[in-house]
């Protein structure tokens, strides 16, 4: 009835196999994370530069622009397009409103 259990050496060999499996899994996780980080870095390098100036257009592309923004303004909408410094100045001169948050008119030196 009292059968002897596995030997201490057998138990240690079992533990070793479990730990080797865990180590292999951890190494796969590390390799996956390194691959993701490499892809993230590649994506950051390939990302186009932030434009210096943006013009917000509304739902109707034929309608006049709504606002001029500094390129990294958090208020710029999804329908913004990048423009040159001269285009931004021209838009402000033509009556397109300057964003109240980023104040492109100040940045362009066009205060009234």
N, C-alpha and C. Protein backbone atom coordinates (compact mmCIF):
# COMPACT_ATOMS: atom_id res chain seq x y z
N UNK A 1 0.80 -1.18 0.00
CA UNK A 1 0.00 0.00 0.00
C UNK A 1 0.85 1.26 0.00
N UNK A 2 1.84 1.26 0.76
CA UNK A 2 2.73 2.40 0.82
C UNK A 2 3.82 2.29 -0.23
N UNK A 3 3.46 2.65 -1.45
CA UNK A 3 4.46 2.58 -2.51
C UNK A 3 5.35 3.80 -2.44
N UNK A 4 6.62 3.59 -2.65
CA UNK A 4 7.51 4.75 -2.62
C UNK A 4 7.22 5.65 -3.81
N UNK A 5 7.26 6.97 -3.58
CA UNK A 5 7.03 7.95 -4.64
C UNK A 5 8.27 8.08 -5.52
N UNK A 6 8.22 9.01 -6.44
CA UNK A 6 9.37 9.21 -7.30
C UNK A 6 10.58 9.63 -6.47
N UNK A 7 11.73 9.30 -6.98
CA UNK A 7 12.95 9.64 -6.24
C UNK A 7 13.19 11.15 -6.29
N UNK A 8 13.99 11.60 -5.40
CA UNK A 8 14.35 13.03 -5.35
C UNK A 8 14.98 13.44 -6.67
N UNK A 9 15.81 12.60 -7.25
CA UNK A 9 16.45 12.91 -8.52
C UNK A 9 15.40 13.03 -9.64
N UNK A 10 14.41 12.17 -9.66
CA UNK A 10 13.36 12.23 -10.67
C UNK A 10 12.57 13.54 -10.53
N UNK A 11 12.29 13.93 -9.30
CA UNK A 11 11.58 15.19 -9.07
C UNK A 11 12.40 16.39 -9.54
N UNK A 12 13.69 16.36 -9.27
CA UNK A 12 14.56 17.46 -9.70
C UNK A 12 14.64 17.52 -11.23
N UNK A 13 14.69 16.37 -11.90
CA UNK A 13 14.71 16.33 -13.37
C UNK A 13 13.39 16.90 -13.93
N UNK A 14 12.29 16.57 -13.27
CA UNK A 14 10.99 17.11 -13.69
C UNK A 14 10.99 18.63 -13.55
N UNK A 15 11.45 19.13 -12.42
CA UNK A 15 11.53 20.57 -12.19
C UNK A 15 12.40 21.24 -13.25
N UNK A 16 13.49 20.60 -13.59
CA UNK A 16 14.38 21.14 -14.61
C UNK A 16 13.66 21.28 -15.96
N UNK A 17 12.89 20.26 -16.36
CA UNK A 17 12.15 20.32 -17.62
C UNK A 17 11.11 21.45 -17.61
N UNK A 18 10.42 21.59 -16.48
CA UNK A 18 9.43 22.66 -16.36
C UNK A 18 10.11 24.02 -16.49
N UNK A 19 11.23 24.20 -15.80
CA UNK A 19 11.92 25.47 -15.86
C UNK A 19 12.51 25.76 -17.25
N UNK A 20 12.98 24.73 -17.94
CA UNK A 20 13.47 24.91 -19.31
C UNK A 20 12.34 25.36 -20.24
N UNK A 21 11.16 24.76 -20.07
CA UNK A 21 10.00 25.18 -20.86
C UNK A 21 9.63 26.63 -20.55
N UNK A 22 9.63 26.99 -19.26
CA UNK A 22 9.33 28.36 -18.88
C UNK A 22 10.36 29.34 -19.45
N UNK A 23 11.63 28.95 -19.40
CA UNK A 23 12.68 29.81 -19.93
C UNK A 23 12.53 29.97 -21.45
N UNK A 24 12.20 28.89 -22.15
CA UNK A 24 11.99 28.97 -23.60
C UNK A 24 10.82 29.90 -23.92
N UNK A 25 9.74 29.78 -23.15
CA UNK A 25 8.58 30.65 -23.35
C UNK A 25 8.95 32.11 -23.09
N UNK A 26 9.68 32.37 -22.03
CA UNK A 26 10.10 33.73 -21.72
C UNK A 26 10.98 34.29 -22.83
N UNK A 27 11.87 33.47 -23.37
CA UNK A 27 12.74 33.92 -24.46
C UNK A 27 11.92 34.23 -25.71
N UNK A 28 10.85 33.47 -25.98
CA UNK A 28 9.96 33.78 -27.11
C UNK A 28 9.26 35.11 -26.88
N UNK A 29 8.81 35.33 -25.65
CA UNK A 29 8.17 36.60 -25.34
C UNK A 29 9.14 37.76 -25.56
N UNK A 30 10.37 37.59 -25.13
CA UNK A 30 11.39 38.63 -25.31
C UNK A 30 11.62 38.88 -26.80
N UNK A 31 11.76 37.81 -27.58
CA UNK A 31 11.98 37.95 -29.03
C UNK A 31 10.79 38.66 -29.69
N UNK A 32 9.57 38.30 -29.28
CA UNK A 32 8.38 38.96 -29.84
C UNK A 32 8.38 40.45 -29.49
N UNK A 33 8.72 40.76 -28.26
CA UNK A 33 8.74 42.16 -27.84
C UNK A 33 9.82 42.94 -28.56
N UNK A 34 10.99 42.33 -28.77
CA UNK A 34 12.06 42.98 -29.52
C UNK A 34 11.62 43.23 -30.96
N UNK A 35 10.90 42.29 -31.55
CA UNK A 35 10.40 42.46 -32.92
C UNK A 35 9.39 43.61 -32.98
N UNK A 36 8.48 43.66 -32.00
CA UNK A 36 7.50 44.75 -31.97
C UNK A 36 8.19 46.11 -31.79
N UNK A 37 9.18 46.16 -30.93
CA UNK A 37 9.89 47.41 -30.70
C UNK A 37 10.63 47.85 -31.96
N UNK A 38 11.24 46.91 -32.67
CA UNK A 38 11.93 47.23 -33.92
C UNK A 38 10.94 47.79 -34.94
N UNK A 39 9.76 47.17 -35.04
CA UNK A 39 8.74 47.65 -35.96
C UNK A 39 8.24 49.03 -35.55
N UNK A 40 8.08 49.25 -34.25
CA UNK A 40 7.63 50.56 -33.77
C UNK A 40 8.65 51.64 -34.12
N UNK A 41 9.93 51.34 -33.90
CA UNK A 41 10.99 52.30 -34.22
C UNK A 41 11.03 52.58 -35.73
N UNK A 42 10.86 51.53 -36.53
CA UNK A 42 10.84 51.70 -37.99
C UNK A 42 9.67 52.60 -38.39
N UNK A 43 8.52 52.39 -37.75
CA UNK A 43 7.35 53.21 -38.03
C UNK A 43 7.56 54.66 -37.65
N UNK A 44 8.21 54.89 -36.51
CA UNK A 44 8.49 56.26 -36.09
C UNK A 44 9.43 56.96 -37.07
N UNK A 45 10.41 56.24 -37.57
CA UNK A 45 11.36 56.83 -38.52
C UNK A 45 10.69 57.11 -39.87
N UNK A 46 9.72 56.27 -40.25
CA UNK A 46 9.06 56.43 -41.54
C UNK A 46 7.92 57.45 -41.49
N UNK A 47 7.53 57.86 -40.29
CA UNK A 47 6.42 58.80 -40.15
C UNK A 47 6.80 60.14 -40.77
N UNK A 48 5.89 60.71 -41.54
CA UNK A 48 6.21 62.02 -42.12
C UNK A 48 6.36 63.07 -41.03
N UNK A 49 7.16 64.05 -41.32
CA UNK A 49 7.39 65.13 -40.35
C UNK A 49 6.09 65.89 -40.10
N UNK A 50 5.94 66.42 -38.90
CA UNK A 50 4.78 67.24 -38.57
C UNK A 50 4.84 68.51 -39.40
N UNK A 51 3.74 68.83 -40.08
CA UNK A 51 3.76 70.07 -40.87
C UNK A 51 3.85 71.28 -39.96
N UNK A 52 4.39 72.36 -40.48
CA UNK A 52 4.49 73.57 -39.66
C UNK A 52 3.15 74.30 -39.55
N UNK A 53 2.32 74.19 -40.61
CA UNK A 53 1.06 74.93 -40.65
C UNK A 53 -0.03 74.03 -41.21
N UNK A 54 -1.24 74.23 -40.70
CA UNK A 54 -2.39 73.45 -41.15
C UNK A 54 -3.56 74.38 -41.44
N UNK A 55 -4.38 73.96 -42.38
CA UNK A 55 -5.65 74.66 -42.63
C UNK A 55 -6.75 73.63 -42.46
N UNK A 56 -7.71 73.99 -41.61
CA UNK A 56 -8.88 73.14 -41.36
C UNK A 56 -9.93 73.44 -42.42
N UNK A 57 -10.40 72.40 -43.08
CA UNK A 57 -11.51 72.56 -44.02
C UNK A 57 -12.71 71.85 -43.42
N UNK A 58 -13.88 72.27 -43.80
CA UNK A 58 -15.10 71.68 -43.25
C UNK A 58 -15.52 70.43 -44.00
N UNK A 59 -16.76 70.05 -43.80
CA UNK A 59 -17.31 68.86 -44.46
C UNK A 59 -17.40 69.06 -45.97
N UNK A 60 -17.68 70.28 -46.38
CA UNK A 60 -17.79 70.60 -47.80
C UNK A 60 -16.43 71.09 -48.30
N UNK A 61 -15.76 70.30 -49.12
CA UNK A 61 -14.43 70.71 -49.58
C UNK A 61 -14.45 71.97 -50.45
N UNK A 62 -15.62 72.32 -51.01
CA UNK A 62 -15.70 73.54 -51.82
C UNK A 62 -15.91 74.79 -50.96
N UNK A 63 -16.27 74.61 -49.70
CA UNK A 63 -16.49 75.75 -48.81
C UNK A 63 -15.14 76.34 -48.41
N UNK A 64 -15.12 77.60 -48.02
CA UNK A 64 -13.85 78.21 -47.60
C UNK A 64 -13.29 77.51 -46.35
N UNK A 65 -11.99 77.58 -46.16
CA UNK A 65 -11.37 76.97 -44.97
C UNK A 65 -11.93 77.59 -43.69
N UNK A 66 -11.84 76.81 -42.61
CA UNK A 66 -12.39 77.26 -41.33
C UNK A 66 -11.36 77.95 -40.45
N UNK A 67 -10.19 77.30 -40.27
CA UNK A 67 -9.18 77.81 -39.36
C UNK A 67 -7.78 77.55 -39.89
N UNK A 68 -6.85 78.38 -39.45
CA UNK A 68 -5.43 78.14 -39.67
C UNK A 68 -4.86 77.71 -38.32
N UNK A 69 -3.99 76.71 -38.33
CA UNK A 69 -3.38 76.18 -37.11
C UNK A 69 -1.87 76.09 -37.26
N UNK A 70 -1.17 76.14 -36.13
CA UNK A 70 0.23 75.74 -36.09
C UNK A 70 0.23 74.22 -36.26
N UNK A 71 1.24 73.67 -36.88
CA UNK A 71 1.25 72.27 -37.28
C UNK A 71 0.96 71.25 -36.19
N UNK A 72 1.36 71.50 -34.96
CA UNK A 72 1.15 70.50 -33.90
C UNK A 72 -0.02 70.85 -32.98
N UNK A 73 -0.92 71.69 -33.45
CA UNK A 73 -2.06 72.12 -32.62
C UNK A 73 -2.99 70.95 -32.35
N UNK A 74 -3.37 70.79 -31.10
CA UNK A 74 -4.25 69.69 -30.72
C UNK A 74 -5.69 69.95 -31.14
N UNK A 75 -6.01 71.18 -31.53
CA UNK A 75 -7.38 71.51 -31.95
C UNK A 75 -7.60 71.28 -33.45
N UNK A 76 -6.54 71.02 -34.19
CA UNK A 76 -6.69 70.80 -35.63
C UNK A 76 -7.55 69.56 -35.86
N UNK A 77 -8.47 69.67 -36.79
CA UNK A 77 -9.38 68.56 -37.06
C UNK A 77 -8.79 67.53 -38.00
N UNK A 78 -9.57 66.48 -38.21
CA UNK A 78 -9.13 65.40 -39.10
C UNK A 78 -9.14 65.84 -40.55
N UNK A 79 -9.83 66.91 -40.85
CA UNK A 79 -9.90 67.40 -42.22
C UNK A 79 -8.90 68.53 -42.45
N UNK A 80 -7.83 68.53 -41.70
CA UNK A 80 -6.79 69.54 -41.88
C UNK A 80 -5.83 69.09 -42.96
N UNK A 81 -5.26 70.06 -43.64
CA UNK A 81 -4.22 69.74 -44.62
C UNK A 81 -3.02 70.63 -44.38
N UNK A 82 -1.87 70.10 -44.67
CA UNK A 82 -0.62 70.83 -44.49
C UNK A 82 -0.50 71.91 -45.55
N UNK A 83 -0.01 73.07 -45.11
CA UNK A 83 0.24 74.17 -46.04
C UNK A 83 1.58 74.80 -45.71
N UNK A 84 2.09 75.57 -46.65
CA UNK A 84 3.35 76.28 -46.44
C UNK A 84 3.11 77.51 -45.57
N UNK A 85 4.18 78.12 -45.12
CA UNK A 85 4.10 79.34 -44.33
C UNK A 85 3.39 80.43 -45.13
N UNK A 86 3.75 80.58 -46.41
CA UNK A 86 3.13 81.61 -47.24
C UNK A 86 1.63 81.35 -47.41
N UNK A 87 1.24 80.09 -47.60
CA UNK A 87 -0.18 79.77 -47.74
C UNK A 87 -0.94 80.07 -46.45
N UNK A 88 -0.32 79.79 -45.31
CA UNK A 88 -0.97 80.09 -44.03
C UNK A 88 -1.13 81.60 -43.86
N UNK A 89 -0.10 82.36 -44.20
CA UNK A 89 -0.18 83.83 -44.10
C UNK A 89 -1.25 84.37 -45.05
N UNK A 90 -1.28 83.82 -46.25
CA UNK A 90 -2.27 84.27 -47.25
C UNK A 90 -3.69 83.96 -46.76
N UNK A 91 -3.89 82.77 -46.19
CA UNK A 91 -5.22 82.41 -45.70
C UNK A 91 -5.66 83.35 -44.58
N UNK A 92 -4.75 83.67 -43.67
CA UNK A 92 -5.10 84.61 -42.59
C UNK A 92 -5.41 85.99 -43.16
N UNK A 93 -4.63 86.42 -44.13
CA UNK A 93 -4.87 87.72 -44.76
C UNK A 93 -6.20 87.74 -45.52
N UNK A 94 -6.61 86.58 -46.04
CA UNK A 94 -7.88 86.49 -46.77
C UNK A 94 -9.08 86.30 -45.84
N UNK A 95 -8.86 86.29 -44.53
CA UNK A 95 -9.98 86.24 -43.60
C UNK A 95 -10.25 84.90 -42.94
N UNK A 96 -9.44 83.89 -43.21
CA UNK A 96 -9.62 82.62 -42.51
C UNK A 96 -9.24 82.86 -41.05
N UNK A 97 -10.05 82.35 -40.14
CA UNK A 97 -9.82 82.61 -38.72
C UNK A 97 -8.58 81.87 -38.21
N UNK A 98 -7.89 82.51 -37.29
CA UNK A 98 -6.76 81.88 -36.61
C UNK A 98 -7.29 81.09 -35.43
N UNK A 99 -6.74 79.91 -35.20
CA UNK A 99 -7.13 79.10 -34.05
C UNK A 99 -6.82 79.88 -32.77
N UNK A 100 -7.76 79.90 -31.85
CA UNK A 100 -7.55 80.63 -30.59
C UNK A 100 -6.59 79.90 -29.65
N UNK A 101 -6.41 78.60 -29.88
CA UNK A 101 -5.55 77.83 -28.99
C UNK A 101 -4.07 77.98 -29.35
N UNK A 102 -3.75 77.76 -30.61
CA UNK A 102 -2.34 77.76 -31.02
C UNK A 102 -1.88 79.12 -31.55
N UNK A 103 -2.79 80.02 -31.87
CA UNK A 103 -2.53 81.38 -32.31
C UNK A 103 -1.48 81.47 -33.42
N UNK A 104 -1.81 80.92 -34.58
CA UNK A 104 -0.85 80.97 -35.68
C UNK A 104 -0.56 82.39 -36.16
N UNK A 105 -1.52 83.31 -35.98
CA UNK A 105 -1.29 84.69 -36.39
C UNK A 105 -0.13 85.30 -35.60
N UNK A 106 -0.04 84.95 -34.32
CA UNK A 106 1.09 85.41 -33.50
C UNK A 106 2.38 84.78 -33.98
N UNK A 107 2.35 83.47 -34.22
CA UNK A 107 3.55 82.76 -34.66
C UNK A 107 4.02 83.27 -36.03
N UNK A 108 3.09 83.72 -36.86
CA UNK A 108 3.44 84.23 -38.19
C UNK A 108 3.72 85.72 -38.19
N UNK A 109 3.58 86.35 -37.02
CA UNK A 109 3.83 87.80 -36.91
C UNK A 109 2.78 88.63 -37.63
N UNK A 110 1.53 88.19 -37.59
CA UNK A 110 0.45 88.88 -38.32
C UNK A 110 -0.59 89.47 -37.39
N UNK A 111 -0.21 89.94 -36.23
CA UNK A 111 -1.18 90.53 -35.31
C UNK A 111 -1.69 91.85 -35.88
N UNK A 112 -2.97 92.12 -35.58
CA UNK A 112 -3.58 93.39 -36.07
C UNK A 112 -2.97 94.57 -35.37
